[in-house]
Amino acid sequence: MFQSPGPILVQIGPLSIHWYGAIIGGGILLCYFYVFAELKRRKIDAKYLDNLVFWTVLSGVIGARLYYVIFSWPYFGQNPSEILQIWKGGLAIHGALIGGALSVIICARRYKFSFWTYADVIAPSLLFAQALGRWGNFFNNEAFGSPTTLPWKLYIPEQFRPEQYIDVAYFHPTFLYESLWDLAGFALLIYLSRKFKKPGAVLCAYLMWYSAGRFFVEILRTDSLYFGQFKAAQIASAVLFLVGLFGLVIKKKTATQR
């Protein structure tokens, strides 16, 4: 059985350091070190990495929050003061991917480096950061699944439960399912990065792996964002999976033609 100790890591007078923020910060640092090491391994100049990381993280966080706020507007429209309170949670990975990708594209054009090569280097680190980031949801008592009696069930305090499950105490730890899936994908992409020679192939594999896992985990989630009658994350995952699959097919065909 899992149970969160609460969202606050350290309390010093009026200053609170939240687990969510600390985990995100740690994930960013680990991504940076991985990408730096991988660029060196590939003998690629890393002189633009600091600028790239700064703008990508900034645009990723903005994109993640905008995506979440837009799909949760009925709530934030009534509570606009909470829009900037990201330490309470509410960052959507699909928004982060959109914002981050746009930043990498812009930086690639400005600094004259290959978007596809850098995307392949970054992709494995993203899965590791996502695996780590899901534990922020654990500490915030959010992003959990439907009720369950399984041995690895997650206890959720009453104030964080959906209204329809107010009398239910234990739920699927979907944060853990996704975290383990992402860790497995991280290992897989490291392996593929040594095998795939076509630029962009690792990125396509990332899109397919993450999207497949997220699509099925989303079935259990009780706090999903919706687009009409459909879960927004499942729509985005299906689209990104097809994009990744199409990209791999195209790359295989061009490689065969040569």
Protein backbone atom coordinates (compact mmCIF):
# COMPACT_ATOMS: atom_id res chain seq x y z
CA MET A 1 0.00 0.00 0.00
CA PHE A 2 1.19 3.50 -0.84
CA GLN A 3 0.44 6.68 1.07
CA SER A 4 1.81 10.15 0.39
CA PRO A 5 3.53 11.95 3.30
CA GLY A 6 2.24 15.25 1.90
CA PRO A 7 3.34 17.85 -0.67
CA ILE A 8 5.89 19.78 1.44
CA LEU A 9 9.50 18.62 1.47
CA VAL A 10 10.91 21.30 3.78
CA GLN A 11 9.22 24.04 5.80
CA ILE A 12 11.42 26.91 7.01
CA GLY A 13 9.24 29.54 8.65
CA PRO A 14 6.93 30.92 5.92
CA LEU A 15 9.08 29.32 3.19
CA SER A 16 7.90 25.98 1.83
CA ILE A 17 9.83 23.77 -0.56
CA HIS A 18 7.41 21.39 -2.28
CA TRP A 19 8.23 17.90 -3.42
CA TYR A 20 6.66 18.66 -6.81
CA GLY A 21 9.02 21.55 -7.54
CA ALA A 22 12.07 19.74 -6.18
CA ILE A 23 11.37 16.69 -8.33
CA ILE A 24 10.84 18.77 -11.47
CA GLY A 25 14.06 20.67 -10.77
CA GLY A 26 15.95 17.43 -10.21
CA GLY A 27 14.55 15.99 -13.43
CA ILE A 28 15.72 19.01 -15.41
CA LEU A 29 19.24 18.73 -14.01
CA LEU A 30 19.46 15.02 -14.76
CA CYS A 31 18.21 15.66 -18.30
CA TYR A 32 20.89 18.29 -18.75
CA PHE A 33 23.70 16.00 -17.61
CA TYR A 34 22.45 13.13 -19.77
CA VAL A 35 22.15 15.29 -22.91
CA PHE A 36 25.58 16.83 -22.31
CA ALA A 37 27.18 13.39 -21.93
CA GLU A 38 25.39 12.01 -24.99
CA LEU A 39 26.44 14.96 -27.16
CA LYS A 40 30.03 14.38 -26.10
CA ARG A 41 29.70 10.66 -26.88
CA ARG A 42 28.47 11.51 -30.37
CA LYS A 43 31.23 14.11 -30.74
CA ILE A 44 28.68 16.91 -31.20
CA ASP A 45 29.55 20.43 -30.07
CA ALA A 46 27.53 21.25 -26.90
CA LYS A 47 28.24 24.99 -26.89
CA TYR A 48 24.58 25.85 -27.46
CA LEU A 49 23.23 23.44 -24.87
CA ASP A 50 22.84 25.93 -22.01
CA ASN A 51 20.75 28.30 -24.13
CA LEU A 52 18.76 25.40 -25.54
CA VAL A 53 17.97 24.00 -22.09
CA PHE A 54 16.96 27.41 -20.71
CA TRP A 55 14.51 28.20 -23.51
CA THR A 56 13.20 24.66 -23.80
CA VAL A 57 12.48 24.36 -20.08
CA LEU A 58 10.83 27.79 -20.01
CA SER A 59 8.64 27.12 -23.04
CA GLY A 60 7.92 23.59 -21.83
CA VAL A 61 6.67 24.77 -18.44
CA ILE A 62 4.60 27.55 -20.04
CA GLY A 63 3.14 25.10 -22.57
CA ALA A 64 2.39 22.52 -19.89
CA ARG A 65 0.57 25.05 -17.73
CA LEU A 66 -1.34 26.66 -20.61
CA TYR A 67 -2.53 23.26 -21.81
CA TYR A 68 -3.74 22.37 -18.31
CA VAL A 69 -5.40 25.73 -17.70
CA ILE A 70 -7.17 25.74 -21.08
CA PHE A 71 -8.67 22.30 -20.54
CA SER A 72 -9.55 23.18 -16.94
CA TRP A 73 -10.93 26.64 -17.68
CA PRO A 74 -14.27 26.17 -15.88
CA TYR A 75 -12.22 25.96 -12.66
CA PHE A 76 -9.50 28.51 -13.40
CA GLY A 77 -12.03 30.97 -14.83
CA GLN A 78 -13.50 31.09 -11.34
CA ASN A 79 -10.09 31.00 -9.60
CA PRO A 80 -7.71 33.07 -11.80
CA SER A 81 -5.32 33.70 -8.89
CA GLU A 82 -4.34 30.02 -9.00
CA ILE A 83 -3.23 30.00 -12.65
CA LEU A 84 0.41 30.68 -11.74
CA GLN A 85 0.50 28.36 -8.71
CA ILE A 86 2.24 25.49 -10.49
CA TRP A 87 3.75 24.15 -7.25
CA LYS A 88 0.29 22.77 -6.51
CA GLY A 89 0.49 20.61 -9.60
CA GLY A 90 -1.28 20.98 -12.91
CA LEU A 91 1.37 20.60 -15.62
CA ALA A 92 0.25 18.62 -18.65
CA ILE A 93 3.01 16.70 -20.43
CA HIS A 94 1.46 17.09 -23.88
CA GLY A 95 1.54 20.86 -23.48
CA ALA A 96 5.17 20.60 -22.36
CA LEU A 97 6.03 18.56 -25.46
CA ILE A 98 4.44 21.14 -27.75
CA GLY A 99 6.14 24.08 -26.05
CA GLY A 100 9.50 22.31 -25.79
CA ALA A 101 9.45 21.13 -29.41
CA LEU A 102 8.74 24.63 -30.68
CA SER A 103 11.66 25.95 -28.65
CA VAL A 104 14.06 23.30 -30.02
CA ILE A 105 12.93 24.07 -33.58
CA ILE A 106 13.53 27.80 -33.09
CA CYS A 107 16.91 27.23 -31.42
CA ALA A 108 17.95 24.82 -34.19
CA ARG A 109 17.28 27.47 -36.81
CA ARG A 110 18.98 30.21 -34.84
CA TYR A 111 22.11 28.28 -33.85
CA LYS A 112 22.30 26.18 -37.05
CA PHE A 113 22.21 22.69 -35.54
CA SER A 114 20.18 19.63 -36.58
CA PHE A 115 16.77 19.51 -34.89
CA TRP A 116 16.48 15.75 -35.53
CA THR A 117 19.87 14.92 -34.05
CA TYR A 118 19.24 16.95 -30.90
CA ALA A 119 15.70 15.54 -30.61
CA ASP A 120 17.13 12.01 -30.69
CA VAL A 121 19.59 12.93 -27.94
CA ILE A 122 16.93 14.58 -25.78
CA ALA A 123 14.18 11.94 -26.17
CA PRO A 124 15.57 9.28 -23.75
CA SER A 125 16.17 11.89 -21.05
CA LEU A 126 12.57 13.05 -21.40
CA LEU A 127 11.28 9.60 -20.47
CA PHE A 128 13.56 9.50 -17.43
CA ALA A 129 12.38 12.96 -16.34
CA GLN A 130 8.76 11.93 -16.85
CA ALA A 131 9.30 8.79 -14.78
CA LEU A 132 10.72 10.93 -11.98
CA GLY A 133 8.11 13.66 -12.38
CA ARG A 134 5.21 11.27 -11.79
CA TRP A 135 6.34 10.97 -8.18
CA GLY A 136 5.45 14.64 -7.81
CA ASN A 137 1.85 13.56 -8.44
CA PHE A 138 2.23 10.99 -5.65
CA PHE A 139 3.27 13.63 -3.10
CA ASN A 140 0.46 15.94 -4.26
CA ASN A 141 -2.19 13.19 -4.01
CA GLU A 142 -3.17 13.66 -7.65
CA ALA A 143 -3.23 11.78 -10.96
CA PHE A 144 -4.47 8.57 -9.34
CA GLY A 145 -6.75 5.98 -10.86
CA SER A 146 -10.04 4.32 -10.12
CA PRO A 147 -10.77 2.42 -6.87
CA THR A 148 -8.93 -0.86 -6.30
CA THR A 149 -8.22 -3.46 -3.64
CA LEU A 150 -4.92 -4.63 -5.14
CA PRO A 151 -1.95 -5.02 -2.73
CA TRP A 152 -0.19 -1.99 -4.29
CA LYS A 153 -3.23 0.23 -3.82
CA LEU A 154 -2.78 3.94 -3.08
CA TYR A 155 -4.43 5.62 -0.10
CA ILE A 156 -5.93 9.03 -0.92
CA PRO A 157 -7.08 11.38 1.89
CA GLU A 158 -10.74 12.33 1.74
CA GLN A 159 -10.12 15.95 0.69
CA PHE A 160 -8.40 14.81 -2.53
CA ARG A 161 -10.97 12.22 -3.62
CA PRO A 162 -13.43 12.77 -6.48
CA GLU A 163 -16.98 13.41 -5.28
CA GLN A 164 -18.25 10.10 -6.67
CA TYR A 165 -15.59 8.23 -4.66
CA ILE A 166 -15.72 10.23 -1.45
CA ASP A 167 -16.30 7.07 0.61
CA VAL A 168 -13.54 5.09 -1.13
CA ALA A 169 -10.04 5.17 0.34
CA TYR A 170 -7.86 3.17 -2.05
CA PHE A 171 -7.12 3.79 -5.73
CA HIS A 172 -4.88 2.59 -8.55
CA PRO A 173 -1.43 4.27 -8.29
CA THR A 174 -1.43 5.34 -11.93
CA PHE A 175 1.54 7.59 -11.21
CA LEU A 176 3.52 4.41 -10.49
CA TYR A 177 2.29 2.59 -13.59
CA GLU A 178 3.36 5.44 -15.82
CA SER A 179 6.64 5.93 -13.97
CA LEU A 180 7.62 2.28 -14.47
CA TRP A 181 6.55 2.39 -18.12
CA ASP A 182 8.67 5.49 -18.70
CA LEU A 183 11.70 3.93 -16.99
CA ALA A 184 11.42 0.89 -19.25
CA GLY A 185 11.15 3.22 -22.23
CA PHE A 186 14.23 5.12 -21.10
CA ALA A 187 16.25 1.89 -21.16
CA LEU A 188 14.78 0.95 -24.54
CA LEU A 189 15.59 4.31 -26.13
CA ILE A 190 19.17 4.20 -24.87
CA TYR A 191 19.51 0.84 -26.61
CA LEU A 192 17.85 2.13 -29.80
CA SER A 193 20.02 5.24 -29.84
CA ARG A 194 23.01 2.92 -30.36
CA LYS A 195 21.20 1.01 -33.12
CA PHE A 196 19.26 3.62 -35.10
CA LYS A 197 21.44 5.64 -37.44
CA LYS A 198 18.71 7.64 -39.17
CA PRO A 199 18.23 11.05 -37.45
CA GLY A 200 14.76 11.35 -35.95
CA ALA A 201 14.17 7.61 -35.49
CA VAL A 202 14.71 7.69 -31.72
CA LEU A 203 12.30 10.62 -31.43
CA CYS A 204 9.67 8.63 -33.35
CA ALA A 205 10.22 5.64 -31.04
CA TYR A 206 9.78 7.95 -28.05
CA LEU A 207 6.46 9.26 -29.39
CA MET A 208 5.18 5.74 -29.92
CA TRP A 209 6.37 4.28 -26.61
CA TYR A 210 5.19 7.08 -24.36
CA SER A 211 1.89 7.55 -26.19
CA ALA A 212 1.00 3.84 -26.02
CA GLY A 213 1.58 3.71 -22.27
CA ARG A 214 -0.19 6.99 -21.56
CA PHE A 215 -3.22 5.99 -23.64
CA PHE A 216 -3.87 2.88 -21.55
CA VAL A 217 -2.97 4.44 -18.18
CA GLU A 218 -5.45 7.22 -18.96
CA ILE A 219 -8.25 4.65 -18.97
CA LEU A 220 -7.83 4.35 -15.19
CA ARG A 221 -7.36 8.05 -14.41
CA THR A 222 -10.17 9.82 -12.54
CA ASP A 223 -8.92 13.39 -13.08
CA SER A 224 -8.52 13.45 -16.85
CA LEU A 225 -8.85 16.61 -18.92
CA TYR A 226 -11.56 16.35 -21.56
CA PHE A 227 -12.04 17.56 -25.11
CA GLY A 228 -15.77 17.21 -25.58
CA GLN A 229 -16.66 13.67 -24.52
CA PHE A 230 -13.16 12.30 -25.01
CA LYS A 231 -10.12 12.36 -22.79
CA ALA A 232 -7.70 14.94 -24.15
CA ALA A 233 -4.62 12.89 -23.23
CA GLN A 234 -5.91 9.88 -25.16
CA ILE A 235 -6.59 11.97 -28.25
CA ALA A 236 -3.12 13.54 -28.05
CA SER A 237 -1.51 10.15 -27.41
CA ALA A 238 -3.25 8.56 -30.39
CA VAL A 239 -2.18 11.40 -32.67
CA LEU A 240 1.44 11.34 -31.46
CA PHE A 241 1.62 7.55 -31.75
CA LEU A 242 0.52 7.77 -35.39
CA VAL A 243 3.00 10.59 -36.03
CA GLY A 244 5.80 8.45 -34.59
CA LEU A 245 4.71 5.38 -36.56
CA PHE A 246 4.44 7.37 -39.79
CA GLY A 247 7.87 8.88 -39.17
CA LEU A 248 9.49 5.46 -38.68
CA VAL A 249 7.85 4.10 -41.84
CA ILE A 250 9.07 7.05 -43.88
CA LYS A 251 12.59 6.74 -42.50
CA LYS A 252 12.66 3.01 -43.20
CA LYS A 253 11.52 3.59 -46.79
CA THR A 254 14.12 6.28 -47.44
CA ALA A 255 16.83 4.08 -45.96
CA THR A 256 15.73 1.14 -48.15
CA GLN A 257 15.70 3.28 -51.29
CA ARG A 258 19.31 4.18 -50.67
